[in-house]
Amino acid sequence: MSIHPLLAELEKQIADNLEELRNLSDSNLPTSVIEPLQEHYSKIDAALIDAKNYLSNALARDHEAQAKNNG
Protein backbone atom coordinates (compact mmCIF):
# COMPACT_ATOMS: atom_id res chain seq x y z
CA MET A 1 0.00 0.00 0.00
CA SER A 2 1.42 3.33 -0.94
CA ILE A 3 1.45 6.38 1.28
CA HIS A 4 -1.22 8.21 -0.73
CA PRO A 5 -4.08 5.82 0.17
CA LEU A 6 -2.93 5.90 3.79
CA LEU A 7 -3.09 9.69 3.82
CA ALA A 8 -6.53 9.61 2.27
CA GLU A 9 -7.73 7.12 4.88
CA LEU A 10 -6.28 9.19 7.73
CA GLU A 11 -7.98 12.31 6.40
CA LYS A 12 -11.26 10.39 6.22
CA GLN A 13 -10.83 9.12 9.78
CA ILE A 14 -10.10 12.64 11.03
CA ALA A 15 -13.24 13.95 9.32
CA ASP A 16 -15.31 11.08 10.72
CA ASN A 17 -13.93 11.74 14.18
CA LEU A 18 -14.83 15.42 13.99
CA GLU A 19 -18.33 14.50 12.85
CA GLU A 20 -18.71 12.19 15.85
CA LEU A 21 -17.61 15.02 18.14
CA ARG A 22 -20.22 17.32 16.56
CA ASN A 23 -22.88 14.66 17.00
CA LEU A 24 -21.97 14.30 20.67
CA SER A 25 -22.31 18.02 21.20
CA ASP A 26 -25.76 17.96 19.58
CA SER A 27 -26.94 14.91 21.52
CA ASN A 28 -29.13 14.88 24.59
CA LEU A 29 -26.66 12.79 26.55
CA PRO A 30 -25.71 14.01 30.00
CA THR A 31 -22.47 15.95 30.36
CA SER A 32 -21.05 13.16 32.51
CA VAL A 33 -21.24 10.91 29.44
CA ILE A 34 -20.27 13.45 26.80
CA GLU A 35 -17.10 14.82 28.42
CA PRO A 36 -15.22 11.48 28.66
CA LEU A 37 -16.22 10.65 25.09
CA GLN A 38 -15.04 14.05 23.86
CA GLU A 39 -11.72 13.50 25.62
CA HIS A 40 -11.44 10.07 23.98
CA TYR A 41 -12.19 11.46 20.51
CA SER A 42 -9.75 14.33 21.07
CA LYS A 43 -6.94 11.86 21.84
CA ILE A 44 -7.79 9.80 18.77
CA ASP A 45 -7.89 12.96 16.65
CA ALA A 46 -4.47 14.06 17.90
CA ALA A 47 -3.00 10.63 17.10
CA LEU A 48 -4.54 10.62 13.63
CA ILE A 49 -3.21 14.11 12.91
CA ASP A 50 0.27 13.10 14.13
CA ALA A 51 0.19 10.05 11.86
CA LYS A 52 -0.99 12.12 8.90
CA ASN A 53 1.78 14.68 9.46
CA TYR A 54 4.38 11.93 9.77
CA LEU A 55 3.26 10.32 6.51
CA SER A 56 3.07 13.68 4.73
CA ASN A 57 6.62 14.48 5.81
CA ALA A 58 7.83 11.04 4.72
CA LEU A 59 6.23 11.55 1.32
CA ALA A 60 7.87 14.98 0.98
CA ARG A 61 11.28 13.54 1.90
CA ASP A 62 10.80 10.76 -0.63
CA HIS A 63 9.95 13.25 -3.38
CA GLU A 64 13.04 15.31 -2.48
CA ALA A 65 15.25 12.23 -2.59
CA GLN A 66 13.83 11.20 -5.95
CA ALA A 67 14.36 14.70 -7.33
CA LYS A 68 18.02 14.65 -6.22
CA ASN A 69 18.54 11.22 -7.76
CA ASN A 70 16.92 12.27 -11.03
CA GLY A 71 18.41 15.59 -11.48
C-alpha atoms as a PDB file:
ATOM      1  CA  MET A   1       0.000   0.000   0.000  1.00  0.00           C
ATOM      2  CA  SER A   2       1.423   3.333  -0.941  1.00  0.00           C
ATOM      3  CA  ILE A   3       1.449   6.381   1.280  1.00  0.00           C
ATOM      4  CA  HIS A   4      -1.218   8.214  -0.732  1.00  0.00           C
ATOM      5  CA  PRO A   5      -4.078   5.825   0.172  1.00  0.00           C
ATOM      6  CA  LEU A   6      -2.932   5.899   3.786  1.00  0.00           C
ATOM      7  CA  LEU A   7      -3.091   9.689   3.825  1.00  0.00           C
ATOM      8  CA  ALA A   8      -6.533   9.608   2.271  1.00  0.00           C
ATOM      9  CA  GLU A   9      -7.725   7.121   4.879  1.00  0.00           C
ATOM     10  CA  LEU A  10      -6.277   9.194   7.727  1.00  0.00           C
ATOM     11  CA  GLU A  11      -7.979  12.310   6.401  1.00  0.00           C
ATOM     12  CA  LYS A  12     -11.260  10.387   6.220  1.00  0.00           C
ATOM     13  CA  GLN A  13     -10.834   9.122   9.778  1.00  0.00           C
ATOM     14  CA  ILE A  14     -10.102  12.640  11.035  1.00  0.00           C
ATOM     15  CA  ALA A  15     -13.237  13.955   9.318  1.00  0.00           C
ATOM     16  CA  ASP A  16     -15.310  11.082  10.722  1.00  0.00           C
ATOM     17  CA  ASN A  17     -13.925  11.740  14.182  1.00  0.00           C
ATOM     18  CA  LEU A  18     -14.834  15.420  13.988  1.00  0.00           C
ATOM     19  CA  GLU A  19     -18.334  14.504  12.849  1.00  0.00           C
ATOM     20  CA  GLU A  20     -18.713  12.187  15.852  1.00  0.00           C
ATOM     21  CA  LEU A  21     -17.613  15.024  18.137  1.00  0.00           C
ATOM     22  CA  ARG A  22     -20.220  17.322  16.565  1.00  0.00           C
ATOM     23  CA  ASN A  23     -22.876  14.658  17.004  1.00  0.00           C
ATOM     24  CA  LEU A  24     -21.967  14.301  20.668  1.00  0.00           C
ATOM     25  CA  SER A  25     -22.312  18.018  21.195  1.00  0.00           C
ATOM     26  CA  ASP A  26     -25.762  17.955  19.582  1.00  0.00           C
ATOM     27  CA  SER A  27     -26.942  14.908  21.521  1.00  0.00           C
ATOM     28  CA  ASN A  28     -29.130  14.884  24.587  1.00  0.00           C
ATOM     29  CA  LEU A  29     -26.658  12.794  26.554  1.00  0.00           C
ATOM     30  CA  PRO A  30     -25.707  14.014  30.002  1.00  0.00           C
ATOM     31  CA  THR A  31     -22.468  15.953  30.357  1.00  0.00           C
ATOM     32  CA  SER A  32     -21.053  13.165  32.510  1.00  0.00           C
ATOM     33  CA  VAL A  33     -21.241  10.909  29.444  1.00  0.00           C
ATOM     34  CA  ILE A  34     -20.272  13.447  26.796  1.00  0.00           C
ATOM     35  CA  GLU A  35     -17.102  14.815  28.422  1.00  0.00           C
ATOM     36  CA  PRO A  36     -15.222  11.480  28.657  1.00  0.00           C
ATOM     37  CA  LEU A  37     -16.225  10.653  25.085  1.00  0.00           C
ATOM     38  CA  GLN A  38     -15.038  14.053  23.859  1.00  0.00           C
ATOM     39  CA  GLU A  39     -11.715  13.499  25.616  1.00  0.00           C
ATOM     40  CA  HIS A  40     -11.443  10.074  23.982  1.00  0.00           C
ATOM     41  CA  TYR A  41     -12.194  11.459  20.510  1.00  0.00           C
ATOM     42  CA  SER A  42      -9.747  14.325  21.068  1.00  0.00           C
ATOM     43  CA  LYS A  43      -6.943  11.863  21.841  1.00  0.00           C
ATOM     44  CA  ILE A  44      -7.794   9.803  18.774  1.00  0.00           C
ATOM     45  CA  ASP A  45      -7.890  12.957  16.647  1.00  0.00           C
ATOM     46  CA  ALA A  46      -4.470  14.059  17.900  1.00  0.00           C
ATOM     47  CA  ALA A  47      -2.999  10.629  17.101  1.00  0.00           C
ATOM     48  CA  LEU A  48      -4.544  10.623  13.626  1.00  0.00           C
ATOM     49  CA  ILE A  49      -3.209  14.111  12.908  1.00  0.00           C
ATOM     50  CA  ASP A  50       0.268  13.104  14.129  1.00  0.00           C
ATOM     51  CA  ALA A  51       0.192  10.046  11.860  1.00  0.00           C
ATOM     52  CA  LYS A  52      -0.994  12.122   8.901  1.00  0.00           C
ATOM     53  CA  ASN A  53       1.784  14.679   9.461  1.00  0.00           C
ATOM     54  CA  TYR A  54       4.384  11.927   9.775  1.00  0.00           C
ATOM     55  CA  LEU A  55       3.262  10.320   6.511  1.00  0.00           C
ATOM     56  CA  SER A  56       3.075  13.681   4.732  1.00  0.00           C
ATOM     57  CA  ASN A  57       6.621  14.481   5.809  1.00  0.00           C
ATOM     58  CA  ALA A  58       7.827  11.041   4.720  1.00  0.00           C
ATOM     59  CA  LEU A  59       6.231  11.547   1.324  1.00  0.00           C
ATOM     60  CA  ALA A  60       7.867  14.976   0.979  1.00  0.00           C
ATOM     61  CA  ARG A  61      11.285  13.541   1.898  1.00  0.00           C
ATOM     62  CA  ASP A  62      10.800  10.758  -0.631  1.00  0.00           C
ATOM     63  CA  HIS A  63       9.954  13.253  -3.375  1.00  0.00           C
ATOM     64  CA  GLU A  64      13.041  15.308  -2.479  1.00  0.00           C
ATOM     65  CA  ALA A  65      15.254  12.226  -2.594  1.00  0.00           C
ATOM     66  CA  GLN A  66      13.827  11.203  -5.954  1.00  0.00           C
ATOM     67  CA  ALA A  67      14.363  14.704  -7.327  1.00  0.00           C
ATOM     68  CA  LYS A  68      18.017  14.645  -6.218  1.00  0.00           C
ATOM     69  CA  ASN A  69      18.541  11.225  -7.760  1.00  0.00           C
ATOM     70  CA  ASN A  70      16.921  12.267 -11.033  1.00  0.00           C
ATOM     71  CA  GLY A  71      18.411  15.591 -11.481  1.00  0.00           C
END
